[in-house]
């Protein structure tokens, strides 16, 4: 059985009988890479690590932004601040 996913600029294909993962350019076989199951697994681990790295990097910046907003709110609600009246 062959599993195929076609995108705008590339096509991904996995042949279960031959245990080969292929990445092709959209216009045909001008450029393609064939990976056996071990290299395909290593490639997928690499992709997952990069995705997690980028995801966690975005989560850290989001947490820092929330911490900054929380500290600003705390400064505004500080009871030791002087109030100015007109």
Protein backbone atom coordinates (compact mmCIF):
# COMPACT_ATOMS: atom_id res chain seq x y z
CA UNK A 1 0.00 0.00 0.00
CA UNK A 2 1.26 3.47 -0.88
CA UNK A 3 0.36 6.48 1.26
CA UNK A 4 0.67 9.78 -0.60
CA UNK A 5 0.24 13.41 0.46
CA UNK A 6 0.45 16.07 -2.25
CA UNK A 7 1.10 19.68 -1.36
CA UNK A 8 1.64 22.79 -3.45
CA UNK A 9 5.44 22.45 -3.78
CA UNK A 10 6.15 18.88 -2.68
CA UNK A 11 4.75 15.36 -2.49
CA UNK A 12 5.36 12.91 0.33
CA UNK A 13 4.96 9.20 -0.26
CA UNK A 14 5.42 6.11 1.89
CA UNK A 15 5.50 2.65 0.32
CA UNK A 16 4.67 0.07 3.00
CA UNK A 17 5.81 -2.92 0.91
CA UNK A 18 9.29 -1.51 0.20
CA UNK A 19 9.47 0.48 3.49
CA UNK A 20 10.63 3.59 1.60
CA UNK A 21 9.71 7.21 2.37
CA UNK A 22 10.01 9.53 -0.65
CA UNK A 23 9.96 13.34 -0.83
CA UNK A 24 9.44 14.71 -4.37
CA UNK A 25 9.17 18.11 -5.96
CA UNK A 26 5.69 19.03 -7.14
CA UNK A 27 6.62 19.04 -10.85
CA UNK A 28 7.65 15.39 -10.92
CA UNK A 29 10.82 13.44 -10.34
CA UNK A 30 13.28 16.26 -11.12
CA UNK A 31 14.26 16.29 -7.47
CA UNK A 32 13.46 13.57 -4.98
CA UNK A 33 14.85 11.89 -1.88
CA UNK A 34 14.25 8.28 -0.92
CA UNK A 35 14.76 7.27 2.70
CA UNK A 36 14.65 3.77 4.11
CA UNK A 37 12.63 3.21 7.27
CA UNK A 38 15.55 3.97 9.63
CA UNK A 39 16.43 7.27 7.96
CA UNK A 40 12.75 8.18 7.64
CA UNK A 41 12.31 7.61 11.37
CA UNK A 42 15.37 9.76 12.11
CA UNK A 43 14.05 12.50 9.83
CA UNK A 44 10.67 12.46 11.60
CA UNK A 45 12.36 12.70 15.01
CA UNK A 46 14.30 15.72 13.72
CA UNK A 47 11.12 17.39 12.43
CA UNK A 48 9.30 16.78 15.72
CA UNK A 49 12.19 18.21 17.72
CA UNK A 50 12.24 21.36 15.59
CA UNK A 51 8.47 21.75 15.93
CA UNK A 52 8.64 21.32 19.71
CA UNK A 53 11.54 23.74 19.93
CA UNK A 54 9.63 26.41 18.03
CA UNK A 55 6.44 25.69 19.97
CA UNK A 56 8.21 25.99 23.32
CA UNK A 57 10.05 29.10 22.19
CA UNK A 58 6.69 30.74 21.43
CA UNK A 59 5.26 29.55 24.77
CA UNK A 60 8.19 31.14 26.66
CA UNK A 61 7.68 34.50 24.97
CA UNK A 62 3.95 34.28 25.71
CA UNK A 63 4.65 33.55 29.41
CA UNK A 64 7.12 36.45 29.61
CA UNK A 65 4.50 38.79 28.13
CA UNK A 66 1.92 37.66 30.69
CA UNK A 67 4.43 38.10 33.53
CA UNK A 68 5.16 41.63 32.32
CA UNK A 69 1.46 42.47 32.16
CA UNK A 70 0.92 41.04 35.64
CA UNK A 71 3.78 43.12 37.05
CA UNK A 72 2.36 46.28 35.44
CA UNK A 73 -1.06 45.59 36.97
CA UNK A 74 0.55 45.02 40.38
CA UNK A 75 2.34 48.37 40.14
CA UNK A 76 -0.92 50.17 39.37
CA UNK A 77 -2.70 48.61 42.36
CA UNK A 78 0.10 49.30 44.85
CA UNK A 79 -1.52 50.80 48.00
CA UNK A 80 1.71 52.59 48.96
CA UNK A 81 1.51 54.91 45.96
CA UNK A 82 0.61 58.53 46.54
CA UNK A 83 -2.66 59.72 45.07
CA UNK A 84 -2.78 63.15 43.46
CA UNK A 85 -5.96 65.19 43.63
CA UNK A 86 -6.87 68.19 41.49
